[in-house]
N, C-alpha and C. Protein backbone atom coordinates (compact mmCIF):
# COMPACT_ATOMS: atom_id res chain seq x y z
N MET A 1 6.29 11.64 38.04
CA MET A 1 7.03 10.72 38.17
C MET A 1 6.48 10.35 35.81
N THR A 2 7.81 10.31 35.64
CA THR A 2 7.28 10.35 33.97
C THR A 2 7.42 8.57 33.45
N LYS A 3 6.60 8.00 32.95
CA LYS A 3 6.99 6.86 32.10
C LYS A 3 7.70 6.18 31.32
N LEU A 4 7.41 4.83 32.26
CA LEU A 4 8.79 4.16 31.74
C LEU A 4 8.81 3.33 30.12
N CYS A 5 9.85 3.78 30.07
CA CYS A 5 9.86 3.82 27.71
C CYS A 5 9.84 1.65 28.58
N ALA A 6 9.67 1.38 26.54
CA ALA A 6 8.98 0.22 27.00
C ALA A 6 10.49 -1.09 26.44
N ARG A 7 11.77 -0.04 25.46
CA ARG A 7 12.65 -0.57 26.46
C ARG A 7 13.62 -0.89 26.79
N GLY A 8 13.37 0.04 28.53
CA GLY A 8 14.00 0.02 30.06
C GLY A 8 12.91 -1.05 30.24
N LYS A 9 11.65 -1.16 30.56
CA LYS A 9 11.16 -2.21 30.89
C LYS A 9 11.43 -4.15 30.51
N ALA A 10 11.17 -3.39 29.07
CA ALA A 10 11.59 -5.42 28.55
C ALA A 10 13.24 -6.18 29.17
N ALA A 11 14.18 -4.50 29.09
CA ALA A 11 15.48 -4.49 30.03
C ALA A 11 15.65 -5.20 30.86
N ALA A 12 14.34 -4.52 32.08
CA ALA A 12 14.18 -4.85 33.58
C ALA A 12 13.44 -6.26 33.78
N LYS A 13 12.54 -6.63 32.89
CA LYS A 13 11.98 -7.85 33.45
C LYS A 13 13.17 -8.77 32.63
N ARG A 14 14.28 -8.88 31.90
CA ARG A 14 14.84 -9.42 31.16
C ARG A 14 15.63 -9.93 32.30
N LYS A 15 16.15 -8.81 33.65
CA LYS A 15 16.85 -9.04 34.41
C LYS A 15 16.88 -9.91 35.71
N PHE A 16 15.63 -9.47 36.22
CA PHE A 16 15.56 -10.03 37.01
C PHE A 16 14.15 -10.23 36.97
N LYS A 17 13.36 -10.89 38.37
CA LYS A 17 12.83 -12.53 38.40
C LYS A 17 11.90 -11.59 38.24
N VAL A 18 11.88 -10.69 39.54
CA VAL A 18 10.40 -10.39 39.77
C VAL A 18 10.23 -8.78 39.17
N TYR A 19 9.32 -8.15 38.28
CA TYR A 19 9.79 -7.77 37.46
C TYR A 19 9.13 -6.01 38.39
N PRO A 20 8.38 -6.25 38.85
CA PRO A 20 6.74 -4.75 39.02
C PRO A 20 8.07 -5.19 40.63
N SER A 21 8.99 -4.95 41.13
CA SER A 21 9.48 -4.13 42.00
C SER A 21 10.97 -3.26 42.20
N ALA A 22 11.19 -2.62 43.38
CA ALA A 22 12.33 -1.31 43.51
C ALA A 22 13.29 -1.36 42.67
N TYR A 23 13.74 -2.09 42.94
CA TYR A 23 15.29 -2.90 41.91
C TYR A 23 15.26 -2.66 40.94
N ALA A 24 13.44 -3.36 39.84
CA ALA A 24 13.89 -3.35 39.09
C ALA A 24 12.97 -1.91 37.90
N ASN A 25 12.35 -1.54 38.86
CA ASN A 25 11.91 -0.21 38.28
C ASN A 25 13.04 1.01 38.13
N ALA A 26 14.59 0.78 38.96
CA ALA A 26 15.33 1.88 38.94
C ALA A 26 15.91 1.81 38.30
N TYR A 27 16.10 0.34 37.64
CA TYR A 27 17.14 0.03 36.35
C TYR A 27 16.40 0.26 34.86
N ALA A 28 14.96 -0.77 35.13
CA ALA A 28 14.77 0.57 33.46
C ALA A 28 14.71 2.08 34.09
N SER A 29 13.92 2.76 35.26
CA SER A 29 14.40 4.83 34.38
C SER A 29 15.93 4.73 34.33
N LYS A 30 16.22 4.08 34.86
CA LYS A 30 17.78 3.86 34.13
C LYS A 30 18.22 4.06 32.59
N ILE A 31 17.71 2.97 32.28
CA ILE A 31 18.07 2.75 31.31
C ILE A 31 17.74 3.85 30.41
N CYS A 32 16.16 4.31 30.70
CA CYS A 32 15.31 5.13 29.92
C CYS A 32 16.39 7.08 29.72
N ALA A 33 16.12 6.96 30.83
CA ALA A 33 17.45 8.39 31.21
C ALA A 33 18.55 8.13 29.91
N GLY A 34 19.56 6.83 30.58
CA GLY A 34 20.57 7.07 28.72
C GLY A 34 21.91 7.00 29.99
N LYS A 35 21.54 6.88 31.15
CA LYS A 35 22.29 6.56 32.04
C LYS A 35 22.79 5.48 32.64
N ILE A 36 22.55 4.24 32.40
CA ILE A 36 23.32 3.39 31.56
C ILE A 36 23.06 2.38 30.94
N LYS A 37 24.73 1.34 30.29
CA LYS A 37 23.91 0.32 29.29
C LYS A 37 23.46 -0.50 29.67
N ASP A 38 22.06 -0.76 28.94
CA ASP A 38 21.13 -1.14 28.17
C ASP A 38 21.89 -2.92 27.93
N PRO A 39 21.12 -4.28 27.56
CA PRO A 39 21.51 -5.38 27.33
C PRO A 39 22.40 -4.86 26.08
N SER A 40 22.57 -4.44 25.18
CA SER A 40 22.61 -4.52 24.08
C SER A 40 24.30 -4.03 24.42
N GLY A 41 24.61 -2.92 25.23
CA GLY A 41 25.95 -2.56 25.07
C GLY A 41 25.49 -1.26 24.89
N THR A 42 24.64 -0.04 24.68
CA THR A 42 24.94 0.50 24.25
C THR A 42 24.31 1.94 25.22
N LYS A 43 24.62 3.34 24.94
CA LYS A 43 23.64 4.51 25.54
C LYS A 43 22.55 4.78 24.72
N ARG A 44 21.24 4.77 25.09
CA ARG A 44 20.66 5.01 24.52
C ARG A 44 19.96 5.74 25.61
N LYS A 45 19.14 7.34 24.52
CA LYS A 45 18.28 8.43 25.82
C LYS A 45 16.72 8.33 24.39
N ASP A 46 16.10 8.10 25.31
CA ASP A 46 14.92 8.22 24.19
C ASP A 46 14.40 9.72 24.40
N TRP A 47 14.57 10.05 25.24
CA TRP A 47 14.37 11.74 24.92
C TRP A 47 15.01 13.12 24.28
N GLY A 48 14.32 14.20 24.25
CA GLY A 48 15.83 15.27 23.68
C GLY A 48 14.38 15.11 22.25
N PRO A 49 15.82 15.83 21.00
CA PRO A 49 15.14 15.63 19.52
C PRO A 49 15.30 15.00 18.87
N LYS A 50 14.36 14.17 18.53
CA LYS A 50 14.26 13.19 17.20
C LYS A 50 14.78 13.24 15.83
N LYS A 51 15.48 12.59 15.13
CA LYS A 51 16.60 12.63 13.81
C LYS A 51 14.62 13.18 12.83
N ALA A 52 14.78 13.44 12.23
CA ALA A 52 13.69 14.18 11.21
C ALA A 52 13.76 13.18 9.78
N SER A 53 12.68 12.28 9.44
CA SER A 53 12.65 10.98 9.27
C SER A 53 13.17 11.23 7.72
N LYS A 54 12.68 10.81 7.04
CA LYS A 54 13.44 11.14 5.62
C LYS A 54 12.44 10.98 4.50
N GLY A 55 10.93 10.69 4.42
CA GLY A 55 10.44 10.53 4.72
C GLY A 55 8.68 11.71 4.46
N ALA A 56 8.88 12.94 5.35
CA ALA A 56 8.21 13.50 5.99
C ALA A 56 7.74 14.35 4.92
N ASP A 57 8.31 14.93 3.88
CA ASP A 57 8.05 15.33 2.88
C ASP A 57 7.61 14.54 1.99
N ILE A 58 7.37 13.47 1.25
CA ILE A 58 6.40 12.29 0.45
C ILE A 58 5.22 12.18 1.50
N LYS A 59 5.26 12.17 2.43
CA LYS A 59 3.99 11.94 2.77
C LYS A 59 2.93 13.10 3.57
N ILE A 60 3.83 15.03 3.55
CA ILE A 60 2.96 15.87 3.06
C ILE A 60 2.09 16.18 2.42
N LYS A 61 3.23 15.80 0.64
CA LYS A 61 2.33 15.98 -0.25
C LYS A 61 1.23 14.28 -0.47
N LYS A 62 1.19 13.69 -0.25
CA LYS A 62 0.11 12.43 -0.22
C LYS A 62 -1.14 12.74 0.75
N VAL A 63 -0.31 13.53 1.97
CA VAL A 63 -1.78 14.38 2.73
C VAL A 63 -2.07 15.03 1.40
N ALA A 64 -1.82 16.04 1.14
CA ALA A 64 -2.04 16.99 0.63
C ALA A 64 -2.52 16.80 -0.88
N LYS A 65 -2.34 16.24 -1.37
CA LYS A 65 -3.11 15.81 -2.50
C LYS A 65 -4.76 14.86 -2.35
N ALA A 66 -4.65 14.42 -1.44
CA ALA A 66 -5.38 14.13 -0.78
C ALA A 66 -6.57 14.97 -0.14
N LEU A 67 -6.55 16.14 0.55
CA LEU A 67 -7.14 17.18 0.63
C LEU A 67 -7.38 17.93 -0.80
N HIS A 68 -7.23 17.47 -1.38
CA HIS A 68 -7.14 17.84 -2.28
C HIS A 68 -8.03 17.50 -3.34
N LYS A 69 -8.75 16.54 -3.39
CA LYS A 69 -9.18 15.21 -3.72
C LYS A 69 -10.40 15.28 -3.02
N ALA A 70 -10.39 15.89 -2.15
CA ALA A 70 -11.70 15.81 -1.06
C ALA A 70 -12.49 16.82 -0.71
N SER A 71 -11.29 18.32 -1.57
CA SER A 71 -12.28 19.79 -1.41
C SER A 71 -13.04 18.82 -3.33
N GLY A 72 -12.31 18.75 -4.37
CA GLY A 72 -13.03 18.72 -5.68
C GLY A 72 -14.74 18.04 -5.54
N LEU A 73 -14.40 17.08 -4.51
CA LEU A 73 -15.92 16.02 -4.14
C LEU A 73 -16.25 17.04 -3.97
N HIS A 74 -16.19 17.91 -2.68
CA HIS A 74 -17.36 18.20 -2.14
C HIS A 74 -17.98 20.01 -3.04
N LYS A 75 -17.10 19.79 -3.52
CA LYS A 75 -17.30 21.63 -4.45
C LYS A 75 -18.29 20.27 -5.02
N GLN A 76 -17.59 19.05 -6.22
CA GLN A 76 -19.67 18.61 -6.49
C GLN A 76 -20.93 18.81 -5.91
N GLN A 77 -20.03 17.99 -5.36
CA GLN A 77 -21.73 18.24 -4.41
C GLN A 77 -21.61 19.53 -3.48
N ALA A 78 -21.81 20.33 -3.70
CA ALA A 78 -21.93 22.21 -4.53
C ALA A 78 -22.99 22.31 -5.10
N LYS A 79 -21.85 21.80 -5.90
CA LYS A 79 -22.87 22.37 -7.73
C LYS A 79 -24.85 21.15 -7.82
N THR A 80 -24.62 20.16 -6.96
CA THR A 80 -25.20 19.57 -7.72
C THR A 80 -26.37 19.77 -6.48
N LEU A 81 -26.71 20.03 -5.52
CA LEU A 81 -26.97 20.72 -4.90
C LEU A 81 -27.66 22.05 -4.88
N GLU A 82 -27.03 22.60 -4.97
CA GLU A 82 -27.82 24.22 -5.97
C GLU A 82 -27.88 24.65 -7.93
N SER A 83 -28.12 22.50 -8.20
CA SER A 83 -28.70 23.05 -10.00
C SER A 83 -29.61 22.83 -8.95
N ILE A 84 -29.94 21.88 -8.15
CA ILE A 84 -31.68 21.42 -7.63
C ILE A 84 -32.30 22.59 -7.48
N LYS A 85 -34.37 22.16 -7.30
CA LYS A 85 -34.63 23.89 -7.09
C LYS A 85 -35.90 23.06 -7.17
N ALA A 86 -36.34 23.59 -6.28
CA ALA A 86 -37.67 22.67 -5.47
C ALA A 86 -38.85 23.23 -6.81
N ASN A 87 -39.43 22.18 -7.11
CA ASN A 87 -40.71 22.35 -8.17
C ASN A 87 -41.97 23.01 -7.13
N LYS A 88 -42.53 24.56 -6.78
CA LYS A 88 -42.74 25.02 -6.52
C LYS A 88 -43.91 24.99 -7.73
N GLY A 89 -45.95 24.47 -7.43
CA GLY A 89 -46.74 24.19 -7.41
C GLY A 89 -47.68 22.66 -8.25
N VAL A 90 -46.58 22.44 -7.96
CA VAL A 90 -46.82 21.07 -8.85
C VAL A 90 -47.04 20.65 -7.28
N TYR A 91 -47.61 18.64 -7.14
CA TYR A 91 -48.01 18.85 -5.25
C TYR A 91 -48.45 17.21 -5.50
N THR A 92 -47.82 16.72 -5.10
CA THR A 92 -48.15 15.42 -5.56
C THR A 92 -48.51 14.34 -3.91
N GLY A 93 -48.94 15.58 -2.95
CA GLY A 93 -49.89 14.71 -1.45
C GLY A 93 -50.92 13.53 -2.03
N SER A 94 -51.30 14.14 -0.09
CA SER A 94 -52.85 12.59 -0.61
C SER A 94 -54.24 13.45 -1.29
N TYR A 95 -53.97 14.75 -0.45
CA TYR A 95 -54.96 15.43 -0.45
C TYR A 95 -55.38 16.43 -1.93
N MET A 96 -56.39 16.02 -1.99
CA MET A 96 -56.75 16.70 -3.82
C MET A 96 -57.30 17.57 -4.23
N LYS A 97 -57.33 18.19 -3.27
CA LYS A 97 -57.89 20.08 -3.34
C LYS A 97 -57.87 20.20 -2.19
N SER A 98 -56.82 20.65 -1.58
CA SER A 98 -57.11 21.38 -0.17
C SER A 98 -56.43 22.99 -0.50
N GLU A 99 -56.42 23.71 0.42
CA GLU A 99 -55.59 25.16 0.63
C GLU A 99 -54.24 24.77 2.07
N ILE A 100 -52.57 24.54 1.97
CA ILE A 100 -52.14 24.96 2.65
C ILE A 100 -51.51 26.23 2.79
N ALA A 101 -51.28 26.71 3.35
CA ALA A 101 -50.21 28.05 4.18
C ALA A 101 -51.63 29.50 3.03
N GLY A 102 -53.00 29.39 2.95
CA GLY A 102 -53.65 30.56 1.96
C GLY A 102 -53.12 29.66 0.83
N GLU A 103 -52.73 29.35 0.46
CA GLU A 103 -51.75 28.66 -1.13
C GLU A 103 -53.32 27.30 -1.68
N PRO A 104 -53.93 27.30 -2.84
CA PRO A 104 -54.74 26.31 -3.10
C PRO A 104 -53.60 25.27 -3.51
N VAL A 105 -53.68 24.17 -3.27
CA VAL A 105 -53.08 22.56 -3.61
C VAL A 105 -53.72 21.38 -3.71
N SER A 106 -53.64 21.10 -4.96
CA SER A 106 -54.17 20.08 -5.88
C SER A 106 -53.56 18.63 -6.75
N ASN A 107 -54.08 17.68 -6.20
CA ASN A 107 -52.93 16.66 -7.15
C ASN A 107 -53.82 15.88 -8.26
N GLU A 108 -53.11 16.68 -9.44
CA GLU A 108 -53.56 15.95 -10.23
C GLU A 108 -54.62 15.37 -10.83
N SER A 109 -52.92 14.24 -9.95
CA SER A 109 -53.52 12.87 -10.19
C SER A 109 -55.43 11.99 -9.97
N LEU A 110 -54.86 12.08 -8.46
CA LEU A 110 -55.96 11.78 -8.20
C LEU A 110 -57.16 12.54 -8.92
N VAL A 111 -57.09 14.39 -9.28
CA VAL A 111 -58.48 14.87 -9.21
C VAL A 111 -59.02 13.62 -10.53
N SER A 112 -58.16 13.74 -11.92
CA SER A 112 -58.07 12.74 -12.29
C SER A 112 -59.02 11.30 -13.10
N TYR A 113 -58.76 10.61 -11.78
CA TYR A 113 -58.57 9.11 -11.25
C TYR A 113 -60.24 9.18 -10.56
N TYR A 114 -60.76 10.30 -9.36
CA TYR A 114 -61.48 10.76 -8.47
C TYR A 114 -62.60 11.46 -9.29
N GLY A 115 -62.26 11.85 -10.67
CA GLY A 115 -63.28 13.42 -10.55
C GLY A 115 -64.07 13.95 -10.36
N ASP A 116 -64.78 12.69 -11.47
CA ASP A 116 -66.32 12.56 -10.72
C ASP A 116 -67.47 11.77 -9.52
N MET A 117 -66.66 10.81 -8.58
CA MET A 117 -66.66 10.16 -8.11
C MET A 117 -66.63 10.87 -6.93
N ILE A 118 -66.07 11.46 -6.06
CA ILE A 118 -65.81 13.12 -5.02
C ILE A 118 -65.98 14.18 -6.16
N ASP A 119 -67.08 14.44 -4.51
CA ASP A 119 -66.95 16.06 -4.92
C ASP A 119 -66.75 16.65 -4.11
N VAL A 120 -65.47 18.05 -4.05
CA VAL A 120 -64.51 18.69 -3.67
C VAL A 120 -65.03 20.20 -3.76
């Protein structure tokens, strides 16, 4: 069973006092199928091929332009990420002198500040 169109439901509600009834639904179904005239006096069908809108080309061009802008944004972000390089050897952690994964690391600012106070 297919869903009734909004136009058929509205016509049935106007014609019948009690809408959710068998008679009202049959009337709405016939209007949606285009078998009888609706209250405006014309037979219309809600199904079948639709006419192409005139603005379809404009909408497609607008979406394509937006995608092109988005692609450019992503390209810039990718370039920024590629240009960032990790500074290996400069350690700014909390250890003064230590070994991490077999490599000696030291925070030079902590060593210069606490140098003579703490023997490591």
